[in-house]
Amino acid sequence: MDSQTMIRRVMARVGFADPEEADRAIRSVLFALTDTVSHDEVHDMASQLPKEYKDLVMGRLGERRPVQPMAWSDLVSRVKSELGLETREAAEQVTRSVFATLKDAVSPGEIEDVLQELPLDLRETMRSA
């Protein structure tokens, strides 16, 4: 899958009219996952992403601090703040839409490896997206 396809899928799932909004949403969720999952798993996941997002994640790994486990509510709050969304419900929809798109772009085995490193509530939400 290329980056434009990822953007179009997020746009369709969320209802964004602007591709830049979808791109910002993808970046926000990828950064949150990068901060939450081990370096090795993020690296493996990134290797399956389109080059633009792979490079973005790999750059983030280079500046990364220790892994910071993040609950679903924390991730949603972070996405809401970063994207300037008005409601928590909007942030949840955006985050679930990006999760669903990541599941389209990354192999099921790699998604499962990432899921195993997430807190239970975040794991179950991503699994059901």
Protein backbone atom coordinates (compact mmCIF):
# COMPACT_ATOMS: atom_id res chain seq x y z
CA MET A 1 0.00 0.00 0.00
CA ASP A 2 1.32 3.47 -0.81
CA SER A 3 0.92 6.58 1.33
CA GLN A 4 -1.80 8.07 -0.89
CA THR A 5 -3.89 4.93 -0.49
CA MET A 6 -3.47 5.11 3.29
CA ILE A 7 -4.53 8.75 3.23
CA ARG A 8 -7.58 8.01 1.07
CA ARG A 9 -8.65 5.17 3.36
CA VAL A 10 -8.40 7.34 6.46
CA MET A 11 -10.29 10.12 4.65
CA ALA A 12 -13.08 7.70 3.75
CA ARG A 13 -13.27 6.14 7.21
CA VAL A 14 -13.30 9.47 9.08
CA GLY A 15 -15.01 11.67 6.51
CA PHE A 16 -12.12 14.10 6.13
CA ALA A 17 -12.33 16.27 3.02
CA ASP A 18 -8.69 17.34 3.20
CA PRO A 19 -5.88 14.83 2.59
CA GLU A 20 -3.61 16.85 4.87
CA GLU A 21 -5.96 16.17 7.80
CA ALA A 22 -5.75 12.44 7.14
CA ASP A 23 -1.97 12.62 6.82
CA ARG A 24 -1.72 14.47 10.15
CA ALA A 25 -3.95 11.84 11.77
CA ILE A 26 -1.77 9.00 10.47
CA ARG A 27 1.35 10.74 11.72
CA SER A 28 -0.15 11.42 15.14
CA VAL A 29 -1.19 7.80 15.70
CA LEU A 30 2.10 6.44 14.33
CA PHE A 31 4.06 8.69 16.70
CA ALA A 32 1.95 7.55 19.65
CA LEU A 33 2.55 3.90 18.76
CA THR A 34 6.26 4.59 18.26
CA ASP A 35 6.42 5.95 21.79
CA THR A 36 4.43 3.02 23.23
CA VAL A 37 5.94 -0.06 21.54
CA SER A 38 9.47 -1.45 21.71
CA HIS A 39 12.09 -0.25 19.24
CA ASP A 40 12.29 -3.69 17.59
CA GLU A 41 8.54 -3.99 17.00
CA VAL A 42 8.23 -0.43 15.74
CA HIS A 43 11.11 -1.05 13.37
CA ASP A 44 9.46 -4.23 12.08
CA MET A 45 6.10 -2.50 11.63
CA ALA A 46 7.71 0.50 9.91
CA SER A 47 9.43 -1.77 7.40
CA GLN A 48 5.98 -2.61 6.00
CA LEU A 49 4.72 0.97 5.77
CA PRO A 50 4.93 3.20 2.69
CA LYS A 51 8.33 4.89 2.43
CA GLU A 52 7.07 8.29 3.60
CA TYR A 53 5.68 6.85 6.84
CA LYS A 54 8.52 4.38 7.26
CA ASP A 55 11.04 7.24 7.12
CA LEU A 56 8.94 9.26 9.55
CA VAL A 57 8.78 6.43 12.09
CA MET A 58 12.46 5.57 11.72
CA GLY A 59 13.37 9.21 12.31
CA ARG A 60 11.22 9.22 15.44
CA LEU A 61 13.00 6.08 16.68
CA GLY A 62 16.30 7.93 16.46
CA GLU A 63 15.09 10.58 18.93
CA ARG A 64 13.07 8.26 21.11
CA ARG A 65 13.13 8.05 24.85
CA PRO A 66 12.31 4.88 26.79
CA VAL A 67 9.04 3.15 25.93
CA GLN A 68 6.09 4.80 27.65
CA PRO A 69 3.11 2.45 27.95
CA MET A 70 -0.04 4.35 27.04
CA ALA A 71 -3.64 3.42 27.80
CA TRP A 72 -6.39 3.91 25.21
CA SER A 73 -7.66 7.04 26.98
CA ASP A 74 -4.17 8.57 26.99
CA LEU A 75 -3.61 7.85 23.31
CA VAL A 76 -6.99 9.35 22.40
CA SER A 77 -6.26 12.46 24.50
CA ARG A 78 -2.92 12.84 22.76
CA VAL A 79 -4.45 12.53 19.28
CA LYS A 80 -7.23 14.96 20.23
CA SER A 81 -4.70 17.53 21.41
CA GLU A 82 -2.27 17.11 18.51
CA LEU A 83 -5.00 17.36 15.88
CA GLY A 84 -7.00 20.07 17.63
CA LEU A 85 -10.17 17.98 17.56
CA GLU A 86 -13.19 19.32 19.40
CA THR A 87 -14.47 16.14 20.99
CA ARG A 88 -13.14 12.94 22.46
CA GLU A 89 -15.53 11.02 20.19
CA ALA A 90 -13.92 12.59 17.12
CA ALA A 91 -10.47 11.63 18.40
CA GLU A 92 -11.64 8.06 19.03
CA GLN A 93 -13.05 7.82 15.49
CA VAL A 94 -9.83 9.17 13.97
CA THR A 95 -7.67 6.83 16.02
CA ARG A 96 -9.77 3.76 15.20
CA SER A 97 -9.73 4.72 11.51
CA VAL A 98 -5.95 4.97 11.47
CA PHE A 99 -5.70 1.64 13.34
CA ALA A 100 -7.94 0.00 10.72
CA THR A 101 -5.81 1.46 7.94
CA LEU A 102 -2.60 0.26 9.60
CA LYS A 103 -4.12 -3.21 9.77
CA ASP A 104 -4.69 -3.00 6.01
CA ALA A 105 -1.09 -1.90 5.38
CA VAL A 106 0.84 -4.19 7.75
CA SER A 107 0.80 -7.98 7.83
CA PRO A 108 -1.47 -9.66 10.37
CA GLY A 109 1.50 -11.29 12.07
CA GLU A 110 3.27 -7.99 12.57
CA ILE A 111 0.09 -6.31 13.79
CA GLU A 112 -0.27 -9.13 16.33
CA ASP A 113 3.33 -8.60 17.49
CA VAL A 114 2.61 -4.90 18.03
CA LEU A 115 -0.67 -5.69 19.80
CA GLN A 116 1.09 -7.95 22.27
CA GLU A 117 3.12 -4.99 23.54
CA LEU A 118 0.14 -2.70 24.13
CA PRO A 119 -1.83 -2.34 27.35
CA LEU A 120 -4.97 -4.49 27.30
CA ASP A 121 -7.49 -1.70 26.62
CA LEU A 122 -5.44 -0.29 23.75
CA ARG A 123 -4.76 -3.78 22.38
CA GLU A 124 -8.45 -4.69 22.32
CA THR A 125 -9.41 -1.38 20.70
CA MET A 126 -6.81 -1.76 17.96
CA ARG A 127 -7.75 -5.39 17.45
CA SER A 128 -11.43 -4.48 16.94
CA ALA A 129 -10.75 -1.49 14.62
